[in-house]
Amino acid sequence: MRVTEKGQVTIPKPIRDKLGIKPGSEVEFVSRQHGIVLEKRDDRGDRVDPAEVLLRHVDRHAGRFDLDGLQADDVMRLLRD
């Protein structure tokens, strides 16, 4: 990815889609121990909580998996083994 003379880069579309970044969205580059992370800010300018994003994603897909009659305890047992 090339940086322009103004220090600008283009965020690839798959990344924009994954983070929900649209024209006018606020983002922030955050320095972490192993590099820099791009984080989306919410409409108020606050950082988006990753746990909240995960829970929204899980909620969106709830009830969409066919477990072939397995109960939650059975699934957990299979995941642990």
PDB file of N, CA and C in Angstrom:
ATOM      1  N   MET A   1       0.862  -1.160   0.000  1.00  0.00           N
ATOM      2  CA  MET A   1       0.000   0.000   0.000  1.00  0.00           C
ATOM      3  C   MET A   1       0.915   1.232   0.000  1.00  0.00           C
ATOM      4  N   ARG A   2       0.621   2.141  -0.867  1.00  0.00           N
ATOM      5  CA  ARG A   2       1.453   3.335  -1.012  1.00  0.00           C
ATOM      6  C   ARG A   2       0.852   4.502  -0.221  1.00  0.00           C
ATOM      7  N   VAL A   3       1.717   5.266   0.423  1.00  0.00           N
ATOM      8  CA  VAL A   3       1.310   6.453   1.165  1.00  0.00           C
ATOM      9  C   VAL A   3       1.501   7.669   0.251  1.00  0.00           C
ATOM     10  N   THR A   4       0.490   8.546   0.184  1.00  0.00           N
ATOM     11  CA  THR A   4       0.589   9.744  -0.658  1.00  0.00           C
ATOM     12  C   THR A   4       1.489  10.784   0.003  1.00  0.00           C
ATOM     13  N   GLU A   5       1.778  11.858  -0.737  1.00  0.00           N
ATOM     14  CA  GLU A   5       2.600  12.941  -0.187  1.00  0.00           C
ATOM     15  C   GLU A   5       1.960  13.571   1.043  1.00  0.00           C
ATOM     16  N   LYS A   6       0.632  13.496   1.135  1.00  0.00           N
ATOM     17  CA  LYS A   6      -0.087  14.048   2.290  1.00  0.00           C
ATOM     18  C   LYS A   6      -0.177  13.049   3.446  1.00  0.00           C
ATOM     19  N   GLY A   7       0.442  11.866   3.274  1.00  0.00           N
ATOM     20  CA  GLY A   7       0.391  10.850   4.336  1.00  0.00           C
ATOM     21  C   GLY A   7      -0.891  10.046   4.325  1.00  0.00           C
ATOM     22  N   GLN A   8      -1.602  10.037   3.219  1.00  0.00           N
ATOM     23  CA  GLN A   8      -2.881   9.329   3.141  1.00  0.00           C
ATOM     24  C   GLN A   8      -2.700   7.929   2.560  1.00  0.00           C
ATOM     25  N   VAL A   9      -3.555   7.027   3.013  1.00  0.00           N
ATOM     26  CA  VAL A   9      -3.624   5.673   2.454  1.00  0.00           C
ATOM     27  C   VAL A   9      -5.095   5.361   2.188  1.00  0.00           C
ATOM     28  N   THR A  10      -5.331   4.421   1.293  1.00  0.00           N
ATOM     29  CA  THR A  10      -6.689   3.969   1.028  1.00  0.00           C
ATOM     30  C   THR A  10      -6.930   2.702   1.839  1.00  0.00           C
ATOM     31  N   ILE A  11      -7.987   2.691   2.631  1.00  0.00           N
ATOM     32  CA  ILE A  11      -8.345   1.500   3.401  1.00  0.00           C
ATOM     33  C   ILE A  11      -9.023   0.536   2.429  1.00  0.00           C
ATOM     34  N   PRO A  12      -8.497  -0.691   2.293  1.00  0.00           N
ATOM     35  CA  PRO A  12      -9.094  -1.638   1.354  1.00  0.00           C
ATOM     36  C   PRO A  12     -10.570  -1.893   1.664  1.00  0.00           C
ATOM     37  N   LYS A  13     -11.371  -2.085   0.611  1.00  0.00           N
ATOM     38  CA  LYS A  13     -12.810  -2.265   0.757  1.00  0.00           C
ATOM     39  C   LYS A  13     -13.179  -3.400   1.716  1.00  0.00           C
ATOM     40  N   PRO A  14     -12.527  -4.579   1.652  1.00  0.00           N
ATOM     41  CA  PRO A  14     -12.896  -5.641   2.611  1.00  0.00           C
ATOM     42  C   PRO A  14     -12.731  -5.200   4.069  1.00  0.00           C
ATOM     43  N   ILE A  15     -11.708  -4.386   4.344  1.00  0.00           N
ATOM     44  CA  ILE A  15     -11.488  -3.889   5.705  1.00  0.00           C
ATOM     45  C   ILE A  15     -12.569  -2.872   6.060  1.00  0.00           C
ATOM     46  N   ARG A  16     -12.874  -1.951   5.130  1.00  0.00           N
ATOM     47  CA  ARG A  16     -13.941  -0.966   5.378  1.00  0.00           C
ATOM     48  C   ARG A  16     -15.258  -1.664   5.648  1.00  0.00           C
ATOM     49  N   ASP A  17     -15.563  -2.686   4.846  1.00  0.00           N
ATOM     50  CA  ASP A  17     -16.814  -3.421   5.037  1.00  0.00           C
ATOM     51  C   ASP A  17     -16.844  -4.124   6.391  1.00  0.00           C
ATOM     52  N   LYS A  18     -15.731  -4.757   6.750  1.00  0.00           N
ATOM     53  CA  LYS A  18     -15.664  -5.505   8.015  1.00  0.00           C
ATOM     54  C   LYS A  18     -15.847  -4.585   9.220  1.00  0.00           C
ATOM     55  N   LEU A  19     -15.271  -3.382   9.149  1.00  0.00           N
ATOM     56  CA  LEU A  19     -15.365  -2.440  10.266  1.00  0.00           C
ATOM     57  C   LEU A  19     -16.585  -1.532  10.179  1.00  0.00           C
ATOM     58  N   GLY A  20     -17.302  -1.598   9.052  1.00  0.00           N
ATOM     59  CA  GLY A  20     -18.469  -0.735   8.890  1.00  0.00           C
ATOM     60  C   GLY A  20     -18.077   0.718   8.645  1.00  0.00           C
ATOM     61  N   ILE A  21     -16.942   0.913   7.989  1.00  0.00           N
ATOM     62  CA  ILE A  21     -16.467   2.269   7.713  1.00  0.00           C
ATOM     63  C   ILE A  21     -17.091   2.765   6.419  1.00  0.00           C
ATOM     64  N   LYS A  22     -17.754   3.907   6.516  1.00  0.00           N
ATOM     65  CA  LYS A  22     -18.406   4.525   5.367  1.00  0.00           C
ATOM     66  C   LYS A  22     -17.909   5.958   5.251  1.00  0.00           C
ATOM     67  N   PRO A  23     -18.182   6.640   4.132  1.00  0.00           N
ATOM     68  CA  PRO A  23     -17.769   8.041   4.033  1.00  0.00           C
ATOM     69  C   PRO A  23     -18.281   8.840   5.236  1.00  0.00           C
ATOM     70  N   GLY A  24     -17.394   9.580   5.854  1.00  0.00           N
ATOM     71  CA  GLY A  24     -17.756  10.363   7.034  1.00  0.00           C
ATOM     72  C   GLY A  24     -17.493   9.651   8.349  1.00  0.00           C
ATOM     73  N   SER A  25     -17.175   8.341   8.300  1.00  0.00           N
ATOM     74  CA  SER A  25     -16.870   7.604   9.531  1.00  0.00           C
ATOM     75  C   SER A  25     -15.599   8.154  10.163  1.00  0.00           C
ATOM     76  N   GLU A  26     -15.542   8.096  11.481  1.00  0.00           N
ATOM     77  CA  GLU A  26     -14.347   8.497  12.220  1.00  0.00           C
ATOM     78  C   GLU A  26     -13.547   7.247  12.546  1.00  0.00           C
ATOM     79  N   VAL A  27     -12.239   7.304  12.307  1.00  0.00           N
ATOM     80  CA  VAL A  27     -11.342   6.202  12.644  1.00  0.00           C
ATOM     81  C   VAL A  27     -10.160   6.761  13.410  1.00  0.00           C
ATOM     82  N   GLU A  28      -9.421   5.855  14.033  1.00  0.00           N
ATOM     83  CA  GLU A  28      -8.243   6.262  14.796  1.00  0.00           C
ATOM     84  C   GLU A  28      -7.163   5.209  14.623  1.00  0.00           C
ATOM     85  N   PHE A  29      -5.921   5.649  14.471  1.00  0.00           N
ATOM     86  CA  PHE A  29      -4.793   4.740  14.466  1.00  0.00           C
ATOM     87  C   PHE A  29      -4.264   4.696  15.892  1.00  0.00           C
ATOM     88  N   VAL A  30      -4.199   3.481  16.464  1.00  0.00           N
ATOM     89  CA  VAL A  30      -3.802   3.306  17.857  1.00  0.00           C
ATOM     90  C   VAL A  30      -2.513   2.496  17.904  1.00  0.00           C
ATOM     91  N   SER A  31      -1.523   3.006  18.619  1.00  0.00           N
ATOM     92  CA  SER A  31      -0.250   2.304  18.766  1.00  0.00           C
ATOM     93  C   SER A  31      -0.400   1.212  19.827  1.00  0.00           C
ATOM     94  N   ARG A  32      -0.063  -0.002  19.438  1.00  0.00           N
ATOM     95  CA  ARG A  32      -0.095  -1.146  20.357  1.00  0.00           C
ATOM     96  C   ARG A  32       1.306  -1.728  20.446  1.00  0.00           C
ATOM     97  N   GLN A  33       1.498  -2.681  21.324  1.00  0.00           N
ATOM     98  CA  GLN A  33       2.823  -3.260  21.553  1.00  0.00           C
ATOM     99  C   GLN A  33       3.424  -3.842  20.273  1.00  0.00           C
ATOM    100  N   HIS A  34       2.606  -4.478  19.435  1.00  0.00           N
ATOM    101  CA  HIS A  34       3.132  -5.170  18.257  1.00  0.00           C
ATOM    102  C   HIS A  34       2.790  -4.464  16.952  1.00  0.00           C
ATOM    103  N   GLY A  35       2.407  -3.200  17.007  1.00  0.00           N
ATOM    104  CA  GLY A  35       2.124  -2.478  15.778  1.00  0.00           C
ATOM    105  C   GLY A  35       1.041  -1.431  15.963  1.00  0.00           C
ATOM    106  N   ILE A  36       0.487  -1.019  14.858  1.00  0.00           N
ATOM    107  CA  ILE A  36      -0.559   0.002  14.838  1.00  0.00           C
ATOM    108  C   ILE A  36      -1.876  -0.651  14.457  1.00  0.00           C
ATOM    109  N   VAL A  37      -2.954  -0.253  15.117  1.00  0.00           N
ATOM    110  CA  VAL A  37      -4.282  -0.815  14.874  1.00  0.00           C
ATOM    111  C   VAL A  37      -5.205   0.311  14.416  1.00  0.00           C
ATOM    112  N   LEU A  38      -6.020   0.024  13.409  1.00  0.00           N
ATOM    113  CA  LEU A  38      -7.036   0.959  12.952  1.00  0.00           C
ATOM    114  C   LEU A  38      -8.329   0.627  13.690  1.00  0.00           C
ATOM    115  N   GLU A  39      -8.888   1.611  14.384  1.00  0.00           N
ATOM    116  CA  GLU A  39     -10.138   1.396  15.111  1.00  0.00           C
ATOM    117  C   GLU A  39     -11.186   2.375  14.617  1.00  0.00           C
ATOM    118  N   LYS A  40     -12.397   1.881  14.467  1.00  0.00           N
ATOM    119  CA  LYS A  40     -13.514   2.742  14.090  1.00  0.00           C
ATOM    120  C   LYS A  40     -14.049   3.406  15.354  1.00  0.00           C
ATOM    121  N   ARG A  41     -14.466   4.657  15.220  1.00  0.00           N
ATOM    122  CA  ARG A  41     -15.128   5.354  16.324  1.00  0.00           C
ATOM    123  C   ARG A  41     -16.626   5.326  16.048  1.00  0.00           C
ATOM    124  N   ASP A  42     -17.436   5.383  17.098  1.00  0.00           N
ATOM    125  CA  ASP A  42     -18.883   5.394  16.893  1.00  0.00           C
ATOM    126  C   ASP A  42     -19.338   6.799  16.498  1.00  0.00           C
ATOM    127  N   ASP A  43     -20.633   6.986  16.346  1.00  0.00           N
ATOM    128  CA  ASP A  43     -21.181   8.269  15.884  1.00  0.00           C
ATOM    129  C   ASP A  43     -20.853   9.430  16.830  1.00  0.00           C
ATOM    130  N   ARG A  44     -20.602   9.137  18.109  1.00  0.00           N
ATOM    131  CA  ARG A  44     -20.271  10.193  19.068  1.00  0.00           C
ATOM    132  C   ARG A  44     -18.778  10.468  19.104  1.00  0.00           C
ATOM    133  N   GLY A  45     -17.997   9.704  18.330  1.00  0.00           N
ATOM    134  CA  GLY A  45     -16.549   9.893  18.329  1.00  0.00           C
ATOM    135  C   GLY A  45     -15.835   9.010  19.324  1.00  0.00           C
ATOM    136  N   ASP A  46     -16.580   8.144  20.045  1.00  0.00           N
ATOM    137  CA  ASP A  46     -15.968   7.231  21.006  1.00  0.00           C
ATOM    138  C   ASP A  46     -15.485   5.979  20.286  1.00  0.00           C
ATOM    139  N   ARG A  47     -14.456   5.338  20.851  1.00  0.00           N
ATOM    140  CA  ARG A  47     -13.995   4.070  20.287  1.00  0.00           C
ATOM    141  C   ARG A  47     -15.089   3.026  20.391  1.00  0.00           C
ATOM    142  N   VAL A  48     -15.150   2.177  19.383  1.00  0.00           N
ATOM    143  CA  VAL A  48     -16.104   1.072  19.394  1.00  0.00           C
ATOM    144  C   VAL A  48     -15.501  -0.059  20.218  1.00  0.00           C
ATOM    145  N   ASP A  49     -16.255  -0.559  21.195  1.00  0.00           N
ATOM    146  CA  ASP A  49     -15.785  -1.645  22.054  1.00  0.00           C
ATOM    147  C   ASP A  49     -15.780  -2.950  21.260  1.00  0.00           C
ATOM    148  N   PRO A  50     -14.611  -3.615  21.100  1.00  0.00           N
ATOM    149  CA  PRO A  50     -14.559  -4.857  20.323  1.00  0.00           C
ATOM    150  C   PRO A  50     -15.493  -5.935  20.857  1.00  0.00           C
ATOM    151  N   ALA A  51     -15.665  -6.013  22.184  1.00  0.00           N
ATOM    152  CA  ALA A  51     -16.571  -7.010  22.754  1.00  0.00           C
ATOM    153  C   ALA A  51     -18.011  -6.734  22.328  1.00  0.00           C
ATOM    154  N   GLU A  52     -18.369  -5.466  22.258  1.00  0.00           N
ATOM    155  CA  GLU A  52     -19.715  -5.087  21.827  1.00  0.00           C
ATOM    156  C   GLU A  52     -19.937  -5.459  20.363  1.00  0.00           C
ATOM    157  N   VAL A  53     -18.916  -5.251  19.544  1.00  0.00           N
ATOM    158  CA  VAL A  53     -19.002  -5.616  18.131  1.00  0.00           C
ATOM    159  C   VAL A  53     -19.189  -7.122  17.997  1.00  0.00           C
ATOM    160  N   LEU A  54     -18.430  -7.890  18.758  1.00  0.00           N
ATOM    161  CA  LEU A  54     -18.554  -9.353  18.717  1.00  0.00           C
ATOM    162  C   LEU A  54     -19.954  -9.794  19.122  1.00  0.00           C
ATOM    163  N   LEU A  55     -20.471  -9.226  20.204  1.00  0.00           N
ATOM    164  CA  LEU A  55     -21.809  -9.606  20.660  1.00  0.00           C
ATOM    165  C   LEU A  55     -22.875  -9.260  19.629  1.00  0.00           C
ATOM    166  N   ARG A  56     -22.745  -8.111  18.965  1.00  0.00           N
ATOM    167  CA  ARG A  56     -23.700  -7.760  17.903  1.00  0.00           C
ATOM    168  C   ARG A  56     -23.625  -8.761  16.757  1.00  0.00           C
ATOM    169  N   HIS A  57     -22.404  -9.173  16.419  1.00  0.00           N
ATOM    170  CA  HIS A  57     -22.212 -10.151  15.345  1.00  0.00           C
ATOM    171  C   HIS A  57     -22.863 -11.488  15.725  1.00  0.00           C
ATOM    172  N   VAL A  58     -22.619 -11.930  16.944  1.00  0.00           N
ATOM    173  CA  VAL A  58     -23.209 -13.191  17.413  1.00  0.00           C
ATOM    174  C   VAL A  58     -24.728 -13.094  17.405  1.00  0.00           C
ATOM    175  N   ASP A  59     -25.275 -11.990  17.890  1.00  0.00           N
ATOM    176  CA  ASP A  59     -26.724 -11.801  17.898  1.00  0.00           C
ATOM    177  C   ASP A  59     -27.310 -11.851  16.493  1.00  0.00           C
ATOM    178  N   ARG A  60     -26.585 -11.258  15.528  1.00  0.00           N
ATOM    179  CA  ARG A  60     -27.075 -11.241  14.148  1.00  0.00           C
ATOM    180  C   ARG A  60     -27.191 -12.652  13.572  1.00  0.00           C
ATOM    181  N   HIS A  61     -26.335 -13.562  14.039  1.00  0.00           N
ATOM    182  CA  HIS A  61     -26.300 -14.913  13.478  1.00  0.00           C
ATOM    183  C   HIS A  61     -26.951 -15.960  14.386  1.00  0.00           C
ATOM    184  N   ALA A  62     -27.517 -15.526  15.481  1.00  0.00           N
ATOM    185  CA  ALA A  62     -28.146 -16.464  16.422  1.00  0.00           C
ATOM    186  C   ALA A  62     -29.254 -17.241  15.722  1.00  0.00           C
ATOM    187  N   GLY A  63     -29.279 -18.540  15.955  1.00  0.00           N
ATOM    188  CA  GLY A  63     -30.323 -19.393  15.406  1.00  0.00           C
ATOM    189  C   GLY A  63     -30.101 -19.804  13.965  1.00  0.00           C
ATOM    190  N   ARG A  64     -28.961 -19.521  13.399  1.00  0.00           N
ATOM    191  CA  ARG A  64     -28.711 -19.831  11.989  1.00  0.00           C
ATOM    192  C   ARG A  64     -27.932 -21.120  11.772  1.00  0.00           C
ATOM    193  N   PHE A  65     -27.486 -21.745  12.829  1.00  0.00           N
ATOM    194  CA  PHE A  65     -26.680 -22.939  12.678  1.00  0.00           C
ATOM    195  C   PHE A  65     -27.509 -24.170  12.997  1.00  0.00           C
ATOM    196  N   ASP A  66     -27.452 -25.144  12.109  1.00  0.00           N
ATOM    197  CA  ASP A  66     -28.167 -26.397  12.317  1.00  0.00           C
ATOM    198  C   ASP A  66     -27.240 -27.335  13.082  1.00  0.00           C
ATOM    199  N   LEU A  67     -27.589 -27.632  14.302  1.00  0.00           N
ATOM    200  CA  LEU A  67     -26.755 -28.490  15.140  1.00  0.00           C
ATOM    201  C   LEU A  67     -27.239 -29.931  15.128  1.00  0.00           C
ATOM    202  N   ASP A  68     -28.132 -30.226  14.191  1.00  0.00           N
ATOM    203  CA  ASP A  68     -28.612 -31.600  13.996  1.00  0.00           C
ATOM    204  C   ASP A  68     -29.152 -32.199  15.293  1.00  0.00           C
ATOM    205  N   GLY A  69     -29.891 -31.378  16.044  1.00  0.00           N
ATOM    206  CA  GLY A  69     -30.553 -31.873  17.242  1.00  0.00           C
ATOM    207  C   GLY A  69     -29.691 -31.873  18.498  1.00  0.00           C
ATOM    208  N   LEU A  70     -28.430 -31.475  18.407  1.00  0.00           N
ATOM    209  CA  LEU A  70     -27.570 -31.456  19.586  1.00  0.00           C
ATOM    210  C   LEU A  70     -28.008 -30.346  20.542  1.00  0.00           C
ATOM    211  N   GLN A  71     -27.909 -30.621  21.812  1.00  0.00           N
ATOM    212  CA  GLN A  71     -28.202 -29.634  22.835  1.00  0.00           C
ATOM    213  C   GLN A  71     -26.928 -28.859  23.149  1.00  0.00           C
ATOM    214  N   ALA A  72     -27.074 -27.725  23.819  1.00  0.00           N
ATOM    215  CA  ALA A  72     -25.934 -26.860  24.130  1.00  0.00           C
ATOM    216  C   ALA A  72     -24.834 -27.610  24.883  1.00  0.00           C
ATOM    217  N   ASP A  73     -25.220 -28.451  25.852  1.00  0.00           N
ATOM    218  CA  ASP A  73     -24.215 -29.196  26.610  1.00  0.00           C
ATOM    219  C   ASP A  73     -23.431 -30.143  25.707  1.00  0.00           C
ATOM    220  N   ASP A  74     -24.109 -30.752  24.735  1.00  0.00           N
ATOM    221  CA  ASP A  74     -23.425 -31.650  23.790  1.00  0.00           C
ATOM    222  C   ASP A  74     -22.418 -30.886  22.945  1.00  0.00           C
ATOM    223  N   VAL A  75     -22.831 -29.718  22.475  1.00  0.00           N
ATOM    224  CA  VAL A  75     -21.944 -28.901  21.654  1.00  0.00           C
ATOM    225  C   VAL A  75     -20.726 -28.469  22.461  1.00  0.00           C
ATOM    226  N   MET A  76     -20.933 -28.023  23.689  1.00  0.00           N
ATOM    227  CA  MET A  76     -19.812 -27.606  24.535  1.00  0.00           C
ATOM    228  C   MET A  76     -18.852 -28.772  24.781  1.00  0.00           C
ATOM    229  N   ARG A  77     -19.400 -29.959  24.997  1.00  0.00           N
ATOM    230  CA  ARG A  77     -18.562 -31.132  25.209  1.00  0.00           C
ATOM    231  C   ARG A  77     -17.709 -31.408  23.971  1.00  0.00           C
ATOM    232  N   LEU A  78     -18.320 -31.299  22.789  1.00  0.00           N
ATOM    233  CA  LEU A  78     -17.582 -31.520  21.544  1.00  0.00           C
ATOM    234  C   LEU A  78     -16.488 -30.460  21.343  1.00  0.00           C
ATOM    235  N   LEU A  79     -16.787 -29.225  21.689  1.00  0.00           N
ATOM    236  CA  LEU A  79     -15.806 -28.166  21.534  1.00  0.00           C
ATOM    237  C   LEU A  79     -14.614 -28.332  22.482  1.00  0.00           C
ATOM    238  N   ARG A  80     -14.859 -28.880  23.647  1.00  0.00           N
ATOM    239  CA  ARG A  80     -13.787 -29.062  24.638  1.00  0.00           C
ATOM    240  C   ARG A  80     -12.885 -30.225  24.289  1.00  0.00           C
ATOM    241  N   ASP A  81     -13.434 -31.224  23.610  1.00  0.00           N
ATOM    242  CA  ASP A  81     -12.648 -32.441  23.308  1.00  0.00           C
ATOM    243  C   ASP A  81     -11.703 -32.267  22.152  1.00  0.00           C
TER     244      ASP A  81
END
